[in-house]
């Protein structure tokens, strides 16, 4: 057994290269070796979101508060709310963030492969973010 105390790391701002809008990241833990998992709380202001990305071993989101949107490439955008759990399959291209008028916080849990837990891609356009026709919200 290992007790992993709450991190004393300061909050970080989501970098402009991988996020749109105001995003705060608070690390929760990094699993001790040989595990390669980590988790953090990510808080998105209204309209803030990730860029498109994938995770080599998948990603689990636990929505803590607010209302958000998520989308898998080629599928309609979906609404997520406090209490929802989301699983993105390994290498499934997706994005997630707050809705246009409500902030959202979630715990993100993922594992690294070859030293990296995520592969970042292009930013989500405003048109794609706002949804257009065919959204399932």
Protein backbone atom coordinates (compact mmCIF):
# COMPACT_ATOMS: atom_id res chain seq x y z
CA UNK A 1 0.00 0.00 0.00
CA UNK A 2 1.10 3.53 -0.63
CA UNK A 3 -0.61 6.65 0.68
CA UNK A 4 -0.42 9.38 -1.95
CA UNK A 5 -1.01 12.73 -0.24
CA UNK A 6 -2.82 15.54 -2.02
CA UNK A 7 -0.44 17.39 -4.27
CA UNK A 8 0.97 20.73 -3.26
CA UNK A 9 1.47 21.74 -6.88
CA UNK A 10 0.11 25.15 -7.83
CA UNK A 11 -2.75 25.45 -10.29
CA UNK A 12 -1.65 25.68 -13.91
CA UNK A 13 -3.22 27.54 -16.81
CA UNK A 14 -4.18 25.39 -19.78
CA UNK A 15 -1.70 26.32 -22.52
CA UNK A 16 -2.99 28.17 -25.61
CA UNK A 17 -1.39 25.53 -27.83
CA UNK A 18 -3.83 22.87 -26.58
CA UNK A 19 -6.82 24.79 -25.14
CA UNK A 20 -9.18 27.55 -26.24
CA UNK A 21 -10.39 29.95 -23.53
CA UNK A 22 -9.63 30.03 -19.82
CA UNK A 23 -8.75 26.62 -18.40
CA UNK A 24 -7.24 25.73 -15.00
CA UNK A 25 -5.53 22.41 -14.32
CA UNK A 26 -4.98 21.08 -10.79
CA UNK A 27 -2.95 17.87 -10.64
CA UNK A 28 -4.31 15.21 -8.29
CA UNK A 29 -1.79 12.39 -8.51
CA UNK A 30 0.71 10.50 -10.60
CA UNK A 31 0.75 6.78 -9.94
CA UNK A 32 4.06 5.31 -8.75
CA UNK A 33 6.04 3.13 -11.19
CA UNK A 34 5.53 0.75 -12.80
CA UNK A 35 2.06 2.27 -13.31
CA UNK A 36 1.91 5.20 -15.70
CA UNK A 37 -1.42 6.78 -14.73
CA UNK A 38 -2.19 10.31 -13.62
CA UNK A 39 -5.25 12.41 -12.84
CA UNK A 40 -6.15 16.05 -12.49
CA UNK A 41 -9.11 18.35 -12.11
CA UNK A 42 -9.64 20.49 -15.19
CA UNK A 43 -11.90 23.54 -14.90
CA UNK A 44 -13.20 25.21 -18.06
CA UNK A 45 -14.76 28.70 -18.10
CA UNK A 46 -17.79 29.05 -20.40
CA UNK A 47 -16.80 28.36 -24.05
CA UNK A 48 -13.37 26.99 -23.05
CA UNK A 49 -12.36 23.64 -24.48
CA UNK A 50 -9.53 21.31 -25.38
CA UNK A 51 -8.07 20.98 -28.86
CA UNK A 52 -8.79 17.73 -30.71
CA UNK A 53 -6.68 14.97 -29.18
CA UNK A 54 -6.30 11.24 -28.52
CA UNK A 55 -5.00 9.15 -25.62
CA UNK A 56 -2.98 6.00 -26.35
CA UNK A 57 -4.63 4.08 -23.51
CA UNK A 58 -7.98 5.92 -23.39
CA UNK A 59 -9.28 8.55 -20.99
CA UNK A 60 -11.85 8.58 -18.19
CA UNK A 61 -13.69 11.79 -17.31
CA UNK A 62 -15.74 12.23 -14.12
CA UNK A 63 -17.79 15.42 -14.41
CA UNK A 64 -17.79 17.24 -11.07
CA UNK A 65 -19.80 20.38 -11.76
CA UNK A 66 -21.46 22.46 -14.43
CA UNK A 67 -22.43 21.65 -17.98
CA UNK A 68 -20.06 20.74 -20.78
CA UNK A 69 -19.86 19.45 -24.31
CA UNK A 70 -17.82 16.66 -25.80
CA UNK A 71 -17.46 15.24 -29.26
CA UNK A 72 -15.84 12.25 -30.91
CA UNK A 73 -14.64 12.93 -34.45
CA UNK A 74 -17.40 12.15 -36.95
CA UNK A 75 -20.14 11.99 -34.29
CA UNK A 76 -22.58 14.61 -32.96
CA UNK A 77 -21.57 16.80 -30.02
CA UNK A 78 -23.03 15.60 -26.71
CA UNK A 79 -23.87 17.39 -23.47
CA UNK A 80 -22.27 16.24 -20.21
CA UNK A 81 -23.36 17.25 -16.71
CA UNK A 82 -22.24 16.91 -13.10
CA UNK A 83 -22.30 13.23 -12.13
CA UNK A 84 -21.69 11.93 -15.67
CA UNK A 85 -18.80 9.60 -16.48
CA UNK A 86 -17.25 9.48 -19.95
CA UNK A 87 -14.84 6.90 -21.39
CA UNK A 88 -12.90 7.70 -24.57
CA UNK A 89 -11.46 4.61 -26.23
CA UNK A 90 -7.70 4.42 -26.91
CA UNK A 91 -6.76 6.63 -29.88
CA UNK A 92 -10.33 7.95 -30.26
CA UNK A 93 -10.08 11.53 -31.58
CA UNK A 94 -12.17 13.84 -29.39
CA UNK A 95 -12.49 17.15 -27.55
CA UNK A 96 -14.31 18.26 -24.40
CA UNK A 97 -14.98 21.49 -22.53
CA UNK A 98 -17.58 23.80 -21.04
CA UNK A 99 -20.82 24.72 -22.74
CA UNK A 100 -21.15 28.22 -24.21
CA UNK A 101 -22.78 29.70 -21.10
CA UNK A 102 -21.86 27.43 -18.17
CA UNK A 103 -18.50 26.47 -16.66
CA UNK A 104 -17.60 22.79 -16.20
CA UNK A 105 -15.07 20.87 -14.10
CA UNK A 106 -14.07 17.25 -14.47
CA UNK A 107 -11.49 14.82 -13.20
CA UNK A 108 -9.43 13.46 -16.10
CA UNK A 109 -7.66 10.11 -15.66
CA UNK A 110 -5.31 8.67 -18.26
CA UNK A 111 -2.23 6.49 -18.66
CA UNK A 112 0.94 7.21 -20.58
CA UNK A 113 2.40 5.04 -23.30
CA UNK A 114 6.02 5.59 -24.32
CA UNK A 115 6.10 8.51 -21.88
CA UNK A 116 3.08 10.41 -23.24
CA UNK A 117 -0.57 10.29 -22.08
CA UNK A 118 -1.94 12.44 -24.94
CA UNK A 119 -1.43 13.31 -28.59
CA UNK A 120 -2.59 16.87 -29.31
CA UNK A 121 -4.02 17.93 -32.67
CA UNK A 122 -5.67 21.01 -34.18
CA UNK A 123 -7.89 23.44 -32.26
CA UNK A 124 -11.65 22.94 -32.39
CA UNK A 125 -13.11 25.64 -34.63
CA UNK A 126 -15.85 27.90 -33.27
CA UNK A 127 -18.21 26.46 -35.91
CA UNK A 128 -17.50 22.89 -34.80
CA UNK A 129 -17.71 23.88 -31.12
CA UNK A 130 -21.06 25.61 -31.52
CA UNK A 131 -22.39 22.54 -33.23
CA UNK A 132 -24.36 23.36 -36.32
CA UNK A 133 -26.86 20.80 -37.54
CA UNK A 134 -27.04 17.27 -36.24
CA UNK A 135 -25.96 17.82 -32.65
CA UNK A 136 -27.49 15.60 -29.99
CA UNK A 137 -27.78 18.09 -27.14
